Protein backbone atom coordinates (compact mmCIF):
# COMPACT_ATOMS: atom_id res chain seq x y z
CA UNK A 1 22.67 10.69 10.06
CA UNK A 2 19.80 8.33 10.82
CA UNK A 3 20.48 5.51 13.20
CA UNK A 4 18.77 2.13 13.27
CA UNK A 5 16.70 3.38 16.21
CA UNK A 6 15.33 6.22 13.99
CA UNK A 7 14.07 3.89 11.27
CA UNK A 8 10.44 2.76 11.71
CA UNK A 9 9.83 -1.00 11.81
CA UNK A 10 8.91 -2.60 8.51
CA UNK A 11 7.65 -5.93 7.23
CA UNK A 12 6.48 -7.55 4.01
CA UNK A 13 3.00 -6.36 3.09
CA UNK A 14 0.66 -7.11 0.23
CA UNK A 15 0.44 -4.56 -2.57
CA UNK A 16 -1.24 -4.78 -5.96
CA UNK A 17 0.37 -3.91 -9.28
CA UNK A 18 -1.68 -3.11 -12.37
CA UNK A 19 -0.30 -1.62 -15.59
CA UNK A 20 2.92 -0.62 -13.84
CA UNK A 21 1.11 1.22 -11.03
CA UNK A 22 1.58 -0.02 -7.45
CA UNK A 23 -1.43 0.25 -5.13
CA UNK A 24 -0.32 0.44 -1.50
CA UNK A 25 -2.27 -0.39 1.65
CA UNK A 26 -3.74 2.72 3.27
CA UNK A 27 -2.15 3.56 6.63
CA UNK A 28 -5.26 3.19 8.80
CA UNK A 29 -7.85 1.25 6.82
CA UNK A 30 -8.16 -2.02 4.93
CA UNK A 31 -8.08 -0.25 1.59
CA UNK A 32 -5.49 0.35 -1.10
CA UNK A 33 -4.48 3.67 -2.61
CA UNK A 34 -2.83 4.74 -5.86
CA UNK A 35 0.08 7.18 -6.16
CA UNK A 36 -0.98 10.76 -5.45
CA UNK A 37 -3.57 9.77 -2.87
CA UNK A 38 -4.55 12.76 -0.77
CA UNK A 39 -3.17 15.30 -3.23
CA UNK A 40 -4.41 14.34 -6.70
CA UNK A 41 -7.17 11.90 -5.76
CA UNK A 42 -8.97 10.44 -2.75
CA UNK A 43 -10.08 7.14 -4.27
CA UNK A 44 -9.81 4.04 -2.08
CA UNK A 45 -9.81 0.54 -3.59
CA UNK A 46 -10.66 -2.81 -2.03
CA UNK A 47 -8.53 -5.87 -2.68
CA UNK A 48 -11.50 -7.40 -4.50
CA UNK A 49 -11.82 -4.42 -6.84
CA UNK A 50 -8.15 -4.60 -7.74
CA UNK A 51 -8.26 -8.38 -8.25
CA UNK A 52 -11.32 -8.05 -10.53
CA UNK A 53 -9.37 -5.47 -12.56
CA UNK A 54 -6.57 -8.08 -12.99
CA UNK A 55 -4.11 -6.42 -10.63
CA UNK A 56 -1.41 -8.85 -9.45
CA UNK A 57 -0.69 -9.24 -5.73
CA UNK A 58 2.94 -8.86 -4.64
CA UNK A 59 4.66 -8.46 -1.29
CA UNK A 60 7.17 -5.70 -0.60
CA UNK A 61 8.80 -4.26 2.52
CA UNK A 62 6.82 -1.31 3.87
CA UNK A 63 6.66 0.52 7.17
CA UNK A 64 4.16 -1.13 9.50
CA UNK A 65 0.53 -0.10 9.08
CA UNK A 66 -2.13 -0.06 11.77
CA UNK A 67 -3.48 -3.50 12.53
CA UNK A 68 -7.21 -4.16 12.86
């Protein structure tokens, strides 16, 4: 059974949602990725690209990403 010590720290982070698809921040870059990143596709998106495509920004709890 996982203990609180085993759970990585998390915080609210910005994601983008477009047509029911959630674009998450990449772990080590200031980019966003779609589901299947690394297996089905390798496309990275900027926040500006997603905003221009009418994606809506939301904040959800995610494990901490690298900070730049």
